[in-house]
Amino acid sequence: MHCARCHVVPDINHLPIEYWIKSILPEMAARMGIKDGDFKPYDKMGFDEMQIVHKSGIYPYLSILNDQDWNILKEYILNIAPDSLQPTVQKGILKKQNRFTAKDFDQDGDIDFGIISTFPDYTNKPEYSIVYLENLDAKSYKFQTYSFEEANLSRWFLLDSGDIDIKTEIQILF
């Protein structure tokens, strides 16, 4: 396949047909030395940039694919490309984000909490816009409150938790 000479073969379904028609296919053709439609690869370049691109051989003088094969490839792509993209379901370690997460973050056998304040007091206690509550004694509801100095550098909205570095430790992500 000619694609792999320049890049990893793309999944055609990852972009809607409009992008293939208006952008990707014209650029692809030009990079294979094919004039297809009214695409002008040097159109918006200054003279110096045009010289550099020309010398690089990105847009070859001679076609590396004959017209028949180019038309077959183009038709194949346009027949497969979706009209629009469908929403995707996020897979992986992150799930729905919240303002609260409860897990055994310190791995001592009890549940700890990560919390983002809904209405923080940025004037008097900005560091408490995000807190980590370490469970010291679950039976008596005793927690140690932690925050961090940089908590007041942003307006936190959502958080999640997961093993982001894949080392079996769960981190709070915000």
Protein backbone atom coordinates (compact mmCIF):
# COMPACT_ATOMS: atom_id res chain seq x y z
CA MET A 1 0.00 0.00 0.00
CA HIS A 2 1.32 3.44 -0.89
CA CYS A 3 0.17 5.00 2.40
CA ALA A 4 2.81 3.26 4.48
CA ARG A 5 5.59 4.82 2.40
CA CYS A 6 4.91 8.15 4.13
CA HIS A 7 2.86 7.47 7.26
CA VAL A 8 0.93 4.88 9.21
CA VAL A 9 -2.15 3.76 7.31
CA PRO A 10 -5.06 5.74 8.80
CA ASP A 11 -8.44 4.42 9.80
CA ILE A 12 -10.73 6.04 7.23
CA ASN A 13 -13.63 5.96 9.71
CA HIS A 14 -11.87 8.40 12.02
CA LEU A 15 -12.72 11.43 9.89
CA PRO A 16 -15.94 12.42 8.13
CA ILE A 17 -16.11 12.42 4.34
CA GLU A 18 -16.12 16.24 4.20
CA TYR A 19 -12.56 16.36 5.61
CA TRP A 20 -11.41 13.73 3.16
CA ILE A 21 -12.87 15.65 0.20
CA LYS A 22 -11.86 19.19 1.18
CA SER A 23 -8.50 18.64 2.85
CA ILE A 24 -6.92 15.22 3.09
CA LEU A 25 -7.39 13.84 -0.43
CA PRO A 26 -6.19 17.01 -2.22
CA GLU A 27 -3.10 17.16 0.01
CA MET A 28 -2.51 13.43 -0.41
CA ALA A 29 -2.73 13.73 -4.19
CA ALA A 30 -0.26 16.61 -4.25
CA ARG A 31 2.19 14.65 -2.10
CA MET A 32 2.04 11.84 -4.67
CA GLY A 33 2.62 14.23 -7.57
CA ILE A 34 -1.00 14.13 -8.71
CA LYS A 35 -2.98 17.24 -9.68
CA ASP A 36 -6.51 16.57 -8.51
CA GLY A 37 -9.00 19.42 -8.61
CA ASP A 38 -7.95 23.00 -7.95
CA PHE A 39 -5.72 22.34 -4.91
CA LYS A 40 -2.56 24.50 -5.02
CA PRO A 41 -0.05 23.28 -2.42
CA TYR A 42 2.18 26.37 -2.66
CA ASP A 43 -0.73 28.84 -2.65
CA LYS A 44 -0.33 30.44 0.78
CA MET A 45 3.44 30.15 1.08
CA GLY A 46 5.95 32.96 0.85
CA PHE A 47 8.78 32.66 -1.68
CA ASP A 48 11.37 31.42 0.87
CA GLU A 49 9.00 28.79 2.24
CA MET A 50 8.10 27.68 -1.29
CA GLN A 51 11.79 27.15 -2.08
CA ILE A 52 12.33 25.06 1.06
CA VAL A 53 9.24 22.91 0.42
CA HIS A 54 10.15 22.55 -3.26
CA LYS A 55 13.69 21.38 -2.44
CA SER A 56 12.36 18.92 0.16
CA GLY A 57 10.49 16.98 -2.53
CA ILE A 58 7.27 16.89 -0.51
CA TYR A 59 5.36 17.61 -3.72
CA PRO A 60 7.11 15.55 -6.43
CA TYR A 61 7.24 16.56 -10.11
CA LEU A 62 6.36 13.08 -11.30
CA SER A 63 3.38 11.11 -10.07
CA ILE A 64 4.19 8.07 -7.95
CA LEU A 65 0.72 6.66 -8.63
CA ASN A 66 -1.04 6.46 -12.00
CA ASP A 67 -4.41 8.18 -12.46
CA GLN A 68 -6.35 4.91 -12.53
CA ASP A 69 -4.89 3.73 -9.21
CA TRP A 70 -5.42 7.18 -7.67
CA ASN A 71 -9.09 7.16 -8.68
CA ILE A 72 -9.55 3.65 -7.27
CA LEU A 73 -7.94 4.71 -3.98
CA LYS A 74 -10.00 7.90 -3.78
CA GLU A 75 -13.25 6.06 -4.54
CA TYR A 76 -12.41 3.43 -1.91
CA ILE A 77 -11.86 6.11 0.75
CA LEU A 78 -14.99 8.06 -0.16
CA ASN A 79 -17.12 4.91 -0.05
CA ILE A 80 -15.93 4.07 3.46
CA ALA A 81 -15.64 7.52 5.09
CA PRO A 82 -18.63 8.29 7.34
CA ASP A 83 -20.90 11.27 6.71
CA SER A 84 -20.28 12.42 10.28
CA LEU A 85 -18.62 11.17 13.42
CA GLN A 86 -20.63 9.36 16.05
CA PRO A 87 -20.07 10.07 19.74
CA THR A 88 -17.62 7.60 21.21
CA VAL A 89 -17.71 5.92 24.57
CA GLN A 90 -14.56 6.66 26.53
CA LYS A 91 -12.75 3.48 27.44
CA GLY A 92 -9.84 3.15 29.78
CA ILE A 93 -8.96 4.12 33.29
CA LEU A 94 -10.91 7.39 33.40
CA LYS A 95 -14.64 7.36 33.75
CA LYS A 96 -17.25 10.02 34.43
CA GLN A 97 -15.68 12.96 36.26
CA ASN A 98 -17.17 14.28 39.47
CA ARG A 99 -16.53 16.77 42.22
CA PHE A 100 -15.92 13.92 44.66
CA THR A 101 -14.01 10.64 44.62
CA ALA A 102 -13.67 7.95 47.28
CA LYS A 103 -10.96 5.28 47.17
CA ASP A 104 -8.19 3.85 49.33
CA PHE A 105 -5.61 6.33 48.02
CA ASP A 106 -3.04 5.67 50.74
CA GLN A 107 -3.56 1.87 50.50
CA ASP A 108 -4.08 1.35 54.22
CA GLY A 109 -7.38 -0.54 53.94
CA ASP A 110 -9.88 2.29 54.42
CA ILE A 111 -11.63 4.78 52.17
CA ASP A 112 -10.15 8.26 51.68
CA PHE A 113 -11.74 11.18 49.84
CA GLY A 114 -10.83 13.72 47.20
CA ILE A 115 -13.22 16.67 47.10
CA ILE A 116 -13.55 19.85 45.05
CA SER A 117 -15.47 22.62 46.79
CA THR A 118 -18.59 23.75 44.97
CA PHE A 119 -18.37 27.28 46.40
CA PRO A 120 -14.80 27.77 47.67
CA ASP A 121 -13.75 30.80 49.70
CA TYR A 122 -11.03 32.04 47.34
CA THR A 123 -10.50 35.15 49.48
CA ASN A 124 -9.81 33.58 52.88
CA LYS A 125 -9.10 29.88 52.26
CA PRO A 126 -8.24 29.37 48.57
CA GLU A 127 -6.16 26.28 49.36
CA TYR A 128 -9.34 24.48 50.42
CA SER A 129 -10.86 24.61 46.93
CA ILE A 130 -9.49 21.04 46.62
CA VAL A 131 -8.95 18.79 49.62
CA TYR A 132 -7.77 15.28 50.26
CA LEU A 133 -9.25 13.70 53.39
CA GLU A 134 -7.08 10.88 54.68
CA ASN A 135 -9.16 8.46 56.73
CA LEU A 136 -7.39 8.01 60.08
CA ASP A 137 -10.18 6.18 61.91
CA ALA A 138 -13.27 5.11 60.01
CA LYS A 139 -15.21 4.17 63.18
CA SER A 140 -14.90 7.61 64.75
CA TYR A 141 -14.93 9.50 61.42
CA LYS A 142 -11.52 11.02 62.05
CA PHE A 143 -9.83 12.49 58.94
CA GLN A 144 -6.67 14.48 58.28
CA THR A 145 -7.27 17.30 55.78
CA TYR A 146 -4.66 18.02 53.13
CA SER A 147 -4.50 20.51 50.32
CA PHE A 148 -1.65 21.92 48.28
CA GLU A 149 -0.21 25.36 47.81
CA GLU A 150 -1.06 25.52 44.09
CA ALA A 151 -4.77 24.82 44.70
CA ASN A 152 -5.55 28.53 44.37
CA LEU A 153 -3.90 28.81 40.94
CA SER A 154 -6.99 27.62 39.12
CA ARG A 155 -10.74 27.23 39.43
CA TRP A 156 -11.19 23.49 39.72
CA PHE A 157 -14.34 22.02 38.30
CA LEU A 158 -14.12 18.22 38.08
CA LEU A 159 -11.92 15.44 39.36
CA ASP A 160 -11.50 11.73 38.94
CA SER A 161 -9.21 9.02 40.20
CA GLY A 162 -7.30 6.23 38.57
CA ASP A 163 -3.97 4.52 38.21
CA ILE A 164 -2.67 7.04 35.68
CA ASP A 165 0.95 5.86 35.77
CA ILE A 166 -0.04 2.15 35.90
CA LYS A 167 1.94 1.41 39.06
CA THR A 168 -1.04 0.09 41.10
CA GLU A 169 -1.32 3.33 43.09
CA ILE A 170 -4.52 5.30 42.57
CA GLN A 171 -4.08 9.03 42.06
CA ILE A 172 -6.56 11.88 42.27
CA LEU A 173 -6.78 13.65 38.93
CA PHE A 174 -8.07 17.20 38.54
